[in-house]
Protein backbone atom coordinates (compact mmCIF):
# COMPACT_ATOMS: atom_id res chain seq x y z
CA UNK A 1 14.80 1.34 -57.71
CA UNK A 2 13.96 -2.38 -57.70
CA UNK A 3 17.64 -3.30 -57.97
CA UNK A 4 18.39 -1.03 -55.01
CA UNK A 5 15.73 -2.82 -52.93
CA UNK A 6 17.14 -6.20 -54.00
CA UNK A 7 20.63 -5.07 -52.99
CA UNK A 8 19.40 -3.97 -49.56
CA UNK A 9 17.48 -7.23 -49.13
CA UNK A 10 20.53 -9.31 -50.10
CA UNK A 11 22.80 -7.31 -47.78
CA UNK A 12 20.34 -7.74 -44.90
CA UNK A 13 20.14 -11.48 -45.55
CA UNK A 14 23.94 -11.75 -45.66
CA UNK A 15 24.33 -9.88 -42.37
CA UNK A 16 21.69 -12.03 -40.67
CA UNK A 17 23.30 -15.20 -42.01
CA UNK A 18 26.75 -14.18 -40.79
CA UNK A 19 25.38 -13.22 -37.39
CA UNK A 20 23.65 -16.59 -37.01
CA UNK A 21 26.81 -18.39 -38.13
CA UNK A 22 29.03 -16.42 -35.75
CA UNK A 23 26.89 -17.23 -32.72
CA UNK A 24 26.16 -20.86 -33.58
CA UNK A 25 28.94 -22.36 -31.46
CA UNK A 26 29.39 -19.87 -28.68
CA UNK A 27 30.67 -21.25 -25.39
CA UNK A 28 27.28 -20.55 -23.86
CA UNK A 29 25.74 -23.11 -26.21
CA UNK A 30 28.10 -25.85 -24.90
CA UNK A 31 28.45 -25.32 -21.13
CA UNK A 32 29.36 -28.98 -20.60
CA UNK A 33 32.42 -28.52 -22.80
CA UNK A 34 33.49 -25.54 -20.67
CA UNK A 35 33.15 -27.68 -17.54
CA UNK A 36 35.17 -30.37 -19.29
CA UNK A 37 37.93 -27.84 -20.09
CA UNK A 38 38.15 -26.92 -16.41
CA UNK A 39 38.26 -30.59 -15.41
CA UNK A 40 40.92 -31.37 -18.01
CA UNK A 41 43.14 -28.55 -16.74
CA UNK A 42 42.68 -29.79 -13.16
CA UNK A 43 43.45 -33.40 -14.09
CA UNK A 44 46.55 -32.20 -15.92
CA UNK A 45 47.74 -30.37 -12.80
CA UNK A 46 47.65 -33.63 -10.84
CA UNK A 47 50.06 -35.16 -13.32
CA UNK A 48 52.91 -32.72 -12.82
CA UNK A 49 55.83 -34.82 -11.55
CA UNK A 50 56.50 -34.48 -7.83
CA UNK A 51 59.46 -36.86 -7.51
CA UNK A 52 61.76 -37.45 -10.48
CA UNK A 53 61.34 -40.93 -11.89
CA UNK A 54 61.96 -41.53 -15.59
CA UNK A 55 59.56 -44.49 -15.86
CA UNK A 56 56.75 -42.57 -14.18
CA UNK A 57 57.47 -39.39 -16.11
CA UNK A 58 57.05 -41.18 -19.44
CA UNK A 59 53.58 -42.43 -18.48
CA UNK A 60 52.59 -39.10 -16.98
CA UNK A 61 53.89 -37.20 -20.01
CA UNK A 62 51.84 -39.44 -22.28
CA UNK A 63 48.74 -38.70 -20.20
CA UNK A 64 49.50 -34.97 -20.28
CA UNK A 65 49.88 -35.11 -24.07
CA UNK A 66 46.51 -36.85 -24.40
CA UNK A 67 44.85 -34.31 -22.10
CA UNK A 68 46.39 -31.48 -24.13
CA UNK A 69 45.04 -33.11 -27.29
CA UNK A 70 41.55 -33.39 -25.74
CA UNK A 71 41.73 -29.70 -24.83
CA UNK A 72 42.79 -28.98 -28.40
CA UNK A 73 39.82 -30.92 -29.79
CA UNK A 74 37.44 -28.81 -27.75
CA UNK A 75 39.15 -25.57 -28.70
CA UNK A 76 39.12 -26.57 -32.38
CA UNK A 77 35.34 -26.28 -32.26
CA UNK A 78 35.79 -22.67 -31.05
CA UNK A 79 34.67 -23.63 -27.56
CA UNK A 80 37.24 -21.88 -25.46
CA UNK A 81 36.97 -20.11 -22.15
CA UNK A 82 40.29 -18.36 -22.80
CA UNK A 83 41.80 -19.61 -19.57
CA UNK A 84 45.40 -20.87 -19.37
CA UNK A 85 46.32 -24.41 -18.34
CA UNK A 86 47.35 -23.06 -14.94
CA UNK A 87 43.79 -21.94 -14.14
CA UNK A 88 42.54 -24.77 -11.92
CA UNK A 89 41.88 -25.44 -8.25
CA UNK A 90 45.03 -26.03 -6.23
CA UNK A 91 46.41 -29.53 -5.93
CA UNK A 92 46.98 -30.60 -2.34
CA UNK A 93 50.79 -30.62 -1.95
CA UNK A 94 50.56 -33.28 0.76
CA UNK A 95 49.06 -35.88 -1.58
CA UNK A 96 51.40 -38.61 -2.66
CA UNK A 97 51.96 -39.46 -6.30
CA UNK A 98 49.45 -42.32 -6.39
CA UNK A 99 46.76 -40.19 -4.75
CA UNK A 100 47.33 -37.47 -7.32
CA UNK A 101 47.16 -39.99 -10.16
CA UNK A 102 43.93 -41.47 -8.83
CA UNK A 103 42.45 -37.99 -8.43
CA UNK A 104 43.44 -37.21 -12.03
CA UNK A 105 41.44 -40.25 -13.20
CA UNK A 106 38.43 -39.10 -11.16
CA UNK A 107 38.60 -35.64 -12.72
CA UNK A 108 39.01 -37.13 -16.20
CA UNK A 109 35.89 -39.20 -15.53
CA UNK A 110 34.05 -35.95 -14.77
CA UNK A 111 35.33 -34.39 -18.01
CA UNK A 112 34.31 -37.51 -19.93
CA UNK A 113 30.80 -37.33 -18.47
CA UNK A 114 30.54 -33.63 -19.38
CA UNK A 115 31.62 -34.22 -22.97
CA UNK A 116 29.56 -37.36 -23.51
CA UNK A 117 26.24 -35.55 -23.92
CA UNK A 118 23.87 -36.00 -26.85
CA UNK A 119 25.06 -33.88 -29.78
CA UNK A 120 22.95 -32.82 -32.74
CA UNK A 121 25.74 -31.04 -34.59
CA UNK A 122 27.76 -33.40 -36.79
CA UNK A 123 30.98 -31.41 -36.34
CA UNK A 124 30.56 -31.42 -32.57
CA UNK A 125 29.83 -35.15 -32.66
CA UNK A 126 33.21 -35.76 -34.30
CA UNK A 127 34.83 -33.50 -31.71
CA UNK A 128 33.13 -35.43 -28.95
CA UNK A 129 34.38 -38.79 -30.25
CA UNK A 130 37.96 -37.52 -30.64
CA UNK A 131 38.00 -35.84 -27.22
CA UNK A 132 36.56 -38.96 -25.54
CA UNK A 133 39.24 -41.08 -27.21
CA UNK A 134 41.96 -38.73 -25.94
CA UNK A 135 40.53 -38.81 -22.42
CA UNK A 136 40.42 -42.62 -22.51
CA UNK A 137 44.04 -42.72 -23.66
CA UNK A 138 45.03 -40.35 -20.84
CA UNK A 139 43.22 -42.57 -18.34
CA UNK A 140 45.09 -45.62 -19.68
CA UNK A 141 48.42 -43.83 -19.34
CA UNK A 142 47.58 -42.83 -15.77
CA UNK A 143 46.59 -46.39 -14.89
CA UNK A 144 49.96 -47.49 -16.25
CA UNK A 145 51.67 -44.87 -14.08
CA UNK A 146 49.75 -46.10 -11.02
CA UNK A 147 50.88 -49.65 -11.77
CA UNK A 148 54.49 -48.48 -12.08
CA UNK A 149 54.18 -46.63 -8.78
CA UNK A 150 52.75 -49.74 -7.12
CA UNK A 151 55.69 -51.83 -8.32
CA UNK A 152 58.25 -49.50 -6.76
């Protein structure tokens, strides 16, 4: 009878442990990361080429790749809202390329601010550093694209 009680106690402990582990990194526990995902998708939308230009496309594609990597870093931590890249506010079709690029930097700044919150979880801290690096690289690529656009 004692071994049966021990078995029940161990099973209960295992279930409680798994439940706590499964809910540890729910999206609700990191709302800033969810806001950052939305901002990253929106910034990415501003980088879609409007006028073909191979020099500009290379810089924009590099920025898109960095944004995609930042999104991947967030999703790696199981913080995912399940929304596709196309789920973002509309981009004003009347904006010129430079305006869109500048707006992308503004939105990336918002995502950076959302992600750069104090983190107590070591895994999330690593995620934060990697995502911030990717956002900074995307911003650098966009600045380069703005410079190229200015020189044209």
